[in-house]
Amino acid sequence: MGEEAELPPQIREQLMRLQQLQQTLQVVVTQKQQLEIELTETDKAISELKKIVDKTPVYKNVGNILIKSNRKSLLSELEEKNELLNTRVTVLGKQEERTKERIKEIQGKLQEKMGGKI
């Protein structure tokens, strides 16, 4: 803790920014992983729905209950959800890359200013 008090304000500010970016990166990666899991589950459901005939009864989960549904409309709903999830995963992937680049940039600046002590 004593070392932080000796650091110039500019370096302390950059260290705080670095910590914020690392936290942001962690949140983005976690969100992306959760969406990828949901995407995998949706892909599996679509695959299974495509294997069955229209007359086969299908149900969708709504809260704590299952509701009988139409295969075609459920398939359409899942494909739309799949498309949205893919878009969100792509956006989070880009955000993850930008955040990583920014972290590297700040780390480089800090290393320069501190003479490579980091």
C-alpha atoms as a PDB file:
ATOM      1  CA  MET A   1       0.000   0.000   0.000  1.00  0.00           C
ATOM      2  CA  GLY A   2       2.933   2.330   0.674  1.00  0.00           C
ATOM      3  CA  GLU A   3       4.167   1.953  -2.887  1.00  0.00           C
ATOM      4  CA  GLU A   4       0.865   3.238  -4.316  1.00  0.00           C
ATOM      5  CA  ALA A   5       1.216   6.486  -2.344  1.00  0.00           C
ATOM      6  CA  GLU A   6       4.655   7.006  -3.917  1.00  0.00           C
ATOM      7  CA  LEU A   7       3.373   6.582  -7.469  1.00  0.00           C
ATOM      8  CA  PRO A   8       2.700   9.706  -9.508  1.00  0.00           C
ATOM      9  CA  PRO A   9      -0.997  10.548  -9.980  1.00  0.00           C
ATOM     10  CA  GLN A  10      -0.829   9.812 -13.718  1.00  0.00           C
ATOM     11  CA  ILE A  11       0.446   6.276 -13.121  1.00  0.00           C
ATOM     12  CA  ARG A  12      -2.098   5.657 -10.348  1.00  0.00           C
ATOM     13  CA  GLU A  13      -4.835   6.798 -12.724  1.00  0.00           C
ATOM     14  CA  GLN A  14      -3.623   4.429 -15.437  1.00  0.00           C
ATOM     15  CA  LEU A  15      -3.419   1.547 -12.959  1.00  0.00           C
ATOM     16  CA  MET A  16      -7.020   2.218 -11.927  1.00  0.00           C
ATOM     17  CA  ARG A  17      -8.055   2.329 -15.591  1.00  0.00           C
ATOM     18  CA  LEU A  18      -6.239  -0.961 -16.170  1.00  0.00           C
ATOM     19  CA  GLN A  19      -8.094  -2.580 -13.268  1.00  0.00           C
ATOM     20  CA  GLN A  20     -11.426  -1.298 -14.623  1.00  0.00           C
ATOM     21  CA  LEU A  21     -10.649  -2.692 -18.066  1.00  0.00           C
ATOM     22  CA  GLN A  22      -9.682  -6.062 -16.582  1.00  0.00           C
ATOM     23  CA  GLN A  23     -12.988  -6.179 -14.691  1.00  0.00           C
ATOM     24  CA  THR A  24     -14.865  -5.209 -17.853  1.00  0.00           C
ATOM     25  CA  LEU A  25     -13.065  -7.946 -19.761  1.00  0.00           C
ATOM     26  CA  GLN A  26     -14.031 -10.501 -17.133  1.00  0.00           C
ATOM     27  CA  VAL A  27     -17.709  -9.472 -17.337  1.00  0.00           C
ATOM     28  CA  VAL A  28     -17.693  -9.567 -21.159  1.00  0.00           C
ATOM     29  CA  VAL A  29     -16.042 -13.008 -21.262  1.00  0.00           C
ATOM     30  CA  THR A  30     -18.552 -14.378 -18.728  1.00  0.00           C
ATOM     31  CA  GLN A  31     -21.515 -12.983 -20.679  1.00  0.00           C
ATOM     32  CA  LYS A  32     -20.121 -14.374 -23.923  1.00  0.00           C
ATOM     33  CA  GLN A  33     -19.669 -17.826 -22.370  1.00  0.00           C
ATOM     34  CA  GLN A  34     -23.244 -17.824 -21.054  1.00  0.00           C
ATOM     35  CA  LEU A  35     -24.590 -16.847 -24.465  1.00  0.00           C
ATOM     36  CA  GLU A  36     -22.501 -19.532 -26.162  1.00  0.00           C
ATOM     37  CA  ILE A  37     -24.011 -22.143 -23.815  1.00  0.00           C
ATOM     38  CA  GLU A  38     -27.502 -20.870 -24.605  1.00  0.00           C
ATOM     39  CA  LEU A  39     -26.645 -20.911 -28.316  1.00  0.00           C
ATOM     40  CA  THR A  40     -25.530 -24.547 -28.099  1.00  0.00           C
ATOM     41  CA  GLU A  41     -28.773 -25.498 -26.357  1.00  0.00           C
ATOM     42  CA  THR A  42     -30.823 -23.659 -28.971  1.00  0.00           C
ATOM     43  CA  ASP A  43     -28.902 -25.387 -31.779  1.00  0.00           C
ATOM     44  CA  LYS A  44     -29.664 -28.765 -30.217  1.00  0.00           C
ATOM     45  CA  ALA A  45     -33.365 -27.933 -29.903  1.00  0.00           C
ATOM     46  CA  ILE A  46     -33.520 -26.797 -33.544  1.00  0.00           C
ATOM     47  CA  SER A  47     -31.761 -29.951 -34.657  1.00  0.00           C
ATOM     48  CA  GLU A  48     -34.213 -32.154 -32.763  1.00  0.00           C
ATOM     49  CA  LEU A  49     -37.243 -30.247 -34.071  1.00  0.00           C
ATOM     50  CA  LYS A  50     -36.027 -30.698 -37.640  1.00  0.00           C
ATOM     51  CA  LYS A  51     -35.902 -34.484 -37.116  1.00  0.00           C
ATOM     52  CA  ILE A  52     -39.576 -34.882 -36.232  1.00  0.00           C
ATOM     53  CA  VAL A  53     -42.731 -34.657 -38.336  1.00  0.00           C
ATOM     54  CA  ASP A  54     -45.270 -31.845 -38.029  1.00  0.00           C
ATOM     55  CA  LYS A  55     -47.855 -34.026 -36.270  1.00  0.00           C
ATOM     56  CA  THR A  56     -45.533 -34.920 -33.404  1.00  0.00           C
ATOM     57  CA  PRO A  57     -46.643 -33.026 -30.288  1.00  0.00           C
ATOM     58  CA  VAL A  58     -44.066 -30.510 -29.084  1.00  0.00           C
ATOM     59  CA  TYR A  59     -43.969 -28.362 -25.974  1.00  0.00           C
ATOM     60  CA  LYS A  60     -42.155 -25.209 -25.048  1.00  0.00           C
ATOM     61  CA  ASN A  61     -41.047 -24.138 -21.622  1.00  0.00           C
ATOM     62  CA  VAL A  62     -42.728 -20.962 -20.399  1.00  0.00           C
ATOM     63  CA  GLY A  63     -41.643 -20.143 -16.878  1.00  0.00           C
ATOM     64  CA  ASN A  64     -42.397 -23.164 -14.733  1.00  0.00           C
ATOM     65  CA  ILE A  65     -44.823 -24.808 -17.157  1.00  0.00           C
ATOM     66  CA  LEU A  66     -44.765 -26.564 -20.514  1.00  0.00           C
ATOM     67  CA  ILE A  67     -47.190 -25.405 -23.179  1.00  0.00           C
ATOM     68  CA  LYS A  68     -48.158 -27.430 -26.230  1.00  0.00           C
ATOM     69  CA  SER A  69     -46.907 -25.656 -29.316  1.00  0.00           C
ATOM     70  CA  ASN A  70     -46.855 -25.873 -33.080  1.00  0.00           C
ATOM     71  CA  ARG A  71     -43.624 -27.417 -34.426  1.00  0.00           C
ATOM     72  CA  LYS A  72     -43.230 -24.902 -37.263  1.00  0.00           C
ATOM     73  CA  SER A  73     -43.819 -21.820 -35.112  1.00  0.00           C
ATOM     74  CA  LEU A  74     -41.530 -23.165 -32.386  1.00  0.00           C
ATOM     75  CA  LEU A  75     -38.834 -23.901 -34.957  1.00  0.00           C
ATOM     76  CA  SER A  76     -39.193 -20.394 -36.365  1.00  0.00           C
ATOM     77  CA  GLU A  77     -39.012 -18.896 -32.866  1.00  0.00           C
ATOM     78  CA  LEU A  78     -35.864 -20.869 -32.035  1.00  0.00           C
ATOM     79  CA  GLU A  79     -34.173 -19.963 -35.317  1.00  0.00           C
ATOM     80  CA  GLU A  80     -34.864 -16.277 -34.639  1.00  0.00           C
ATOM     81  CA  LYS A  81     -33.475 -16.662 -31.115  1.00  0.00           C
ATOM     82  CA  ASN A  82     -30.433 -18.445 -32.569  1.00  0.00           C
ATOM     83  CA  GLU A  83     -29.800 -15.555 -34.960  1.00  0.00           C
ATOM     84  CA  LEU A  84     -30.059 -13.023 -32.128  1.00  0.00           C
ATOM     85  CA  LEU A  85     -27.705 -15.057 -29.923  1.00  0.00           C
ATOM     86  CA  ASN A  86     -25.167 -15.320 -32.750  1.00  0.00           C
ATOM     87  CA  THR A  87     -25.256 -11.547 -33.196  1.00  0.00           C
ATOM     88  CA  ARG A  88     -24.813 -10.926 -29.484  1.00  0.00           C
ATOM     89  CA  VAL A  89     -21.902 -13.393 -29.278  1.00  0.00           C
ATOM     90  CA  THR A  90     -20.248 -11.628 -32.225  1.00  0.00           C
ATOM     91  CA  VAL A  91     -20.703  -8.204 -30.617  1.00  0.00           C
ATOM     92  CA  LEU A  92     -19.304  -9.430 -27.294  1.00  0.00           C
ATOM     93  CA  GLY A  93     -16.378 -11.046 -29.134  1.00  0.00           C
ATOM     94  CA  LYS A  94     -15.524  -7.704 -30.742  1.00  0.00           C
ATOM     95  CA  GLN A  95     -15.865  -5.933 -27.397  1.00  0.00           C
ATOM     96  CA  GLU A  96     -13.594  -8.554 -25.834  1.00  0.00           C
ATOM     97  CA  GLU A  97     -10.922  -7.978 -28.485  1.00  0.00           C
ATOM     98  CA  ARG A  98     -11.100  -4.179 -28.165  1.00  0.00           C
ATOM     99  CA  THR A  99     -10.806  -4.429 -24.381  1.00  0.00           C
ATOM    100  CA  LYS A 100      -7.812  -6.774 -24.647  1.00  0.00           C
ATOM    101  CA  GLU A 101      -6.101  -4.359 -27.057  1.00  0.00           C
ATOM    102  CA  ARG A 102      -6.751  -1.439 -24.709  1.00  0.00           C
ATOM    103  CA  ILE A 103      -5.354  -3.445 -21.766  1.00  0.00           C
ATOM    104  CA  LYS A 104      -2.170  -4.223 -23.717  1.00  0.00           C
ATOM    105  CA  GLU A 105      -1.849  -0.565 -24.692  1.00  0.00           C
ATOM    106  CA  ILE A 106      -2.134   0.649 -21.093  1.00  0.00           C
ATOM    107  CA  GLN A 107       0.224  -2.080 -19.849  1.00  0.00           C
ATOM    108  CA  GLY A 108       2.788  -0.975 -22.438  1.00  0.00           C
ATOM    109  CA  LYS A 109       2.500   2.665 -21.385  1.00  0.00           C
ATOM    110  CA  LEU A 110       2.840   1.720 -17.727  1.00  0.00           C
ATOM    111  CA  GLN A 111       5.918  -0.386 -18.429  1.00  0.00           C
ATOM    112  CA  GLU A 112       7.506   2.535 -20.260  1.00  0.00           C
ATOM    113  CA  LYS A 113       6.772   4.963 -17.449  1.00  0.00           C
ATOM    114  CA  MET A 114       7.925   2.608 -14.723  1.00  0.00           C
ATOM    115  CA  GLY A 115      11.019   1.463 -16.554  1.00  0.00           C
ATOM    116  CA  GLY A 116       9.825  -2.117 -17.135  1.00  0.00           C
ATOM    117  CA  LYS A 117       9.220  -2.851 -13.431  1.00  0.00           C
ATOM    118  CA  ILE A 118       5.750  -4.355 -14.073  1.00  0.00           C
END
